[in-house]
Protein backbone atom coordinates (compact mmCIF):
# COMPACT_ATOMS: atom_id res chain seq x y z
CA UNK A 1 -15.65 9.50 -11.33
CA UNK A 2 -17.54 10.46 -8.16
CA UNK A 3 -16.22 13.10 -5.79
CA UNK A 4 -13.99 11.62 -3.07
CA UNK A 5 -15.67 11.12 0.28
CA UNK A 6 -14.64 13.77 2.86
CA UNK A 7 -13.49 11.10 5.34
CA UNK A 8 -10.66 10.21 2.93
CA UNK A 9 -9.13 13.58 3.86
CA UNK A 10 -5.59 13.97 2.49
CA UNK A 11 -5.75 10.48 0.93
CA UNK A 12 -7.79 11.98 -1.93
CA UNK A 13 -4.47 13.30 -3.28
CA UNK A 14 -3.60 9.71 -4.23
CA UNK A 15 -6.48 9.45 -6.72
CA UNK A 16 -5.06 9.01 -10.22
CA UNK A 17 -2.21 7.12 -11.85
CA UNK A 18 1.35 6.92 -10.52
CA UNK A 19 4.50 5.35 -11.90
CA UNK A 20 8.09 4.89 -10.87
CA UNK A 21 10.72 2.41 -9.80
CA UNK A 22 11.27 0.21 -6.81
CA UNK A 23 13.99 -1.68 -5.02
CA UNK A 24 13.67 -4.70 -2.81
CA UNK A 25 15.63 -7.31 -0.96
CA UNK A 26 15.33 -10.52 0.95
CA UNK A 27 17.87 -11.18 3.69
CA UNK A 28 20.87 -12.96 2.19
CA UNK A 29 19.82 -12.32 -1.42
CA UNK A 30 20.85 -9.65 -3.94
CA UNK A 31 18.78 -6.48 -4.32
CA UNK A 32 16.23 -6.46 -7.15
CA UNK A 33 14.45 -3.68 -9.04
CA UNK A 34 11.19 -3.15 -10.97
CA UNK A 35 9.01 -0.53 -12.62
CA UNK A 36 5.58 0.07 -11.09
CA UNK A 37 2.28 1.57 -12.14
CA UNK A 38 -0.28 2.29 -9.43
CA UNK A 39 -3.83 3.46 -10.12
CA UNK A 40 -5.98 4.78 -7.26
CA UNK A 41 -9.70 5.57 -7.48
CA UNK A 42 -12.66 6.16 -5.21
CA UNK A 43 -16.31 5.18 -5.62
CA UNK A 44 -17.49 8.19 -3.60
CA UNK A 45 -17.64 6.22 -0.34
CA UNK A 46 -14.88 6.43 2.31
CA UNK A 47 -12.83 3.89 0.31
CA UNK A 48 -9.78 4.28 -1.92
CA UNK A 49 -9.17 1.38 -4.31
CA UNK A 50 -5.73 0.69 -5.74
CA UNK A 51 -4.37 -1.54 -8.46
CA UNK A 52 -0.63 -2.10 -8.68
CA UNK A 53 1.23 -3.74 -11.55
CA UNK A 54 4.99 -4.16 -11.85
CA UNK A 55 7.38 -5.20 -14.57
CA UNK A 56 10.98 -6.38 -14.42
CA UNK A 57 13.70 -4.22 -15.98
CA UNK A 58 13.35 -6.27 -19.21
CA UNK A 59 9.62 -5.36 -19.37
CA UNK A 60 8.25 -8.78 -18.39
CA UNK A 61 5.43 -8.98 -15.79
CA UNK A 62 6.65 -9.22 -12.20
CA UNK A 63 3.98 -8.70 -9.52
CA UNK A 64 0.44 -7.42 -9.11
CA UNK A 65 -1.95 -6.65 -6.31
CA UNK A 66 -5.29 -5.00 -5.76
CA UNK A 67 -6.42 -3.38 -2.56
CA UNK A 68 -8.66 -1.01 -0.73
CA UNK A 69 -8.08 1.57 1.99
CA UNK A 70 -11.19 2.10 4.05
CA UNK A 71 -11.77 4.99 6.45
CA UNK A 72 -14.59 3.56 8.57
CA UNK A 73 -16.84 6.34 9.94
CA UNK A 74 -17.49 4.32 13.10
CA UNK A 75 -13.77 4.36 14.01
CA UNK A 76 -13.22 8.10 13.59
CA UNK A 77 -12.69 10.58 16.39
CA UNK A 78 -12.77 14.35 16.24
CA UNK A 79 -9.87 16.67 16.81
CA UNK A 80 -6.35 15.66 15.84
CA UNK A 81 -6.85 15.04 12.10
CA UNK A 82 -5.54 11.47 12.38
CA UNK A 83 -7.94 8.93 10.89
CA UNK A 84 -8.20 5.22 11.61
CA UNK A 85 -7.85 3.15 8.43
CA UNK A 86 -8.34 -0.44 7.42
CA UNK A 87 -6.54 -1.89 4.40
CA UNK A 88 -7.28 -5.07 2.45
CA UNK A 89 -4.83 -6.36 -0.18
CA UNK A 90 -4.99 -9.41 -2.45
CA UNK A 91 -2.30 -10.68 -4.80
CA UNK A 92 -2.32 -13.41 -7.46
CA UNK A 93 0.35 -15.24 -5.42
CA UNK A 94 -2.52 -16.31 -3.15
CA UNK A 95 -1.63 -14.04 -0.21
CA UNK A 96 -4.37 -11.84 1.26
CA UNK A 97 -3.73 -9.20 3.94
CA UNK A 98 -6.01 -7.32 6.34
CA UNK A 99 -4.29 -4.36 8.01
CA UNK A 100 -5.25 -1.60 10.45
CA UNK A 101 -3.50 1.69 11.07
CA UNK A 102 -3.69 5.43 10.73
CA UNK A 103 -3.84 8.16 8.12
CA UNK A 104 -2.02 11.23 9.38
CA UNK A 105 -1.98 14.55 7.51
CA UNK A 106 1.41 16.26 7.14
CA UNK A 107 2.35 19.76 6.04
CA UNK A 108 2.63 18.71 2.38
CA UNK A 109 0.66 15.47 2.23
CA UNK A 110 0.01 12.42 4.37
CA UNK A 111 1.42 9.26 5.94
CA UNK A 112 -0.68 6.10 5.89
CA UNK A 113 0.83 3.44 8.16
CA UNK A 114 -0.87 0.08 8.71
CA UNK A 115 0.18 -3.30 10.11
CA UNK A 116 -1.43 -6.65 9.49
CA UNK A 117 -4.16 -7.98 11.70
CA UNK A 118 -4.44 -11.10 9.53
CA UNK A 119 -2.40 -12.58 6.70
CA UNK A 120 -3.89 -15.62 4.97
CA UNK A 121 -2.98 -17.63 1.92
CA UNK A 122 -4.17 -20.29 -0.44
CA UNK A 123 -2.65 -23.77 0.02
CA UNK A 124 0.14 -23.12 -2.52
CA UNK A 125 0.87 -19.50 -1.49
CA UNK A 126 4.18 -18.58 0.08
CA UNK A 127 3.83 -18.21 3.82
CA UNK A 128 3.80 -14.67 5.17
CA UNK A 129 3.15 -14.21 8.90
CA UNK A 130 3.06 -10.45 9.24
CA UNK A 131 3.12 -7.32 7.05
CA UNK A 132 3.32 -3.56 7.38
CA UNK A 133 2.64 -0.98 4.66
CA UNK A 134 3.45 2.73 4.74
CA UNK A 135 2.50 5.27 2.08
CA UNK A 136 4.17 8.67 2.40
CA UNK A 137 3.13 11.50 0.10
CA UNK A 138 5.00 14.81 0.27
CA UNK A 139 3.13 16.72 -2.42
CA UNK A 140 5.49 15.56 -5.17
CA UNK A 141 6.33 11.90 -4.64
CA UNK A 142 4.45 8.90 -3.26
CA UNK A 143 6.82 6.52 -1.47
CA UNK A 144 5.52 3.07 -0.58
CA UNK A 145 7.41 0.90 1.91
CA UNK A 146 6.61 -2.72 2.74
CA UNK A 147 7.81 -4.95 5.57
CA UNK A 148 7.08 -8.64 6.16
CA UNK A 149 7.89 -11.65 8.30
CA UNK A 150 8.09 -15.17 6.86
CA UNK A 151 8.94 -18.62 8.26
CA UNK A 152 12.56 -18.16 7.13
CA UNK A 153 12.72 -14.61 8.53
CA UNK A 154 10.41 -14.47 11.59
CA UNK A 155 11.46 -10.94 12.56
CA UNK A 156 9.69 -8.42 10.35
CA UNK A 157 12.15 -6.90 7.87
CA UNK A 158 12.00 -4.06 5.34
CA UNK A 159 11.40 -5.73 1.98
CA UNK A 160 10.40 -3.10 -0.61
CA UNK A 161 10.51 0.63 -1.39
CA UNK A 162 8.83 2.18 -4.42
CA UNK A 163 9.11 5.86 -5.42
CA UNK A 164 6.25 7.03 -7.62
CA UNK A 165 5.40 10.25 -9.43
CA UNK A 166 2.01 11.25 -10.77
CA UNK A 167 1.44 9.89 -14.30
CA UNK A 168 -1.95 11.55 -14.91
């Protein structure tokens, strides 16, 4: 695997495989759980790719998505260590997200926080109007939070939290 690009900064710590469990909810519905495996890689450019697969507690497939975090050189400024990021995510449900946000180094890791600029879907996809994704790494654990707004819930709500530990 190529060396991570220096613009990825603290995000290079995410390269590798992660696994753990998640919890989620929809307003008015019972909480649900899953097991997740996340694999992050870099092609040597200022891009981190990720592939996420989940299974239900009984081991059956649940959800999947593939995405990319891009640290565009043309959006970077010098000084504070905070990087502008763009995120693209596609899922087999037919929903595709484009997000923009920041990558901020912390004492022990980083926080990547991005909100949707566009959410699109295939004709049969469930409608999602808005999303937000936050990755927080503290040197030991990668916590991924996800918010969304839908036609039935137009105010963005916290939908998912996954807590992952390094698998490799």
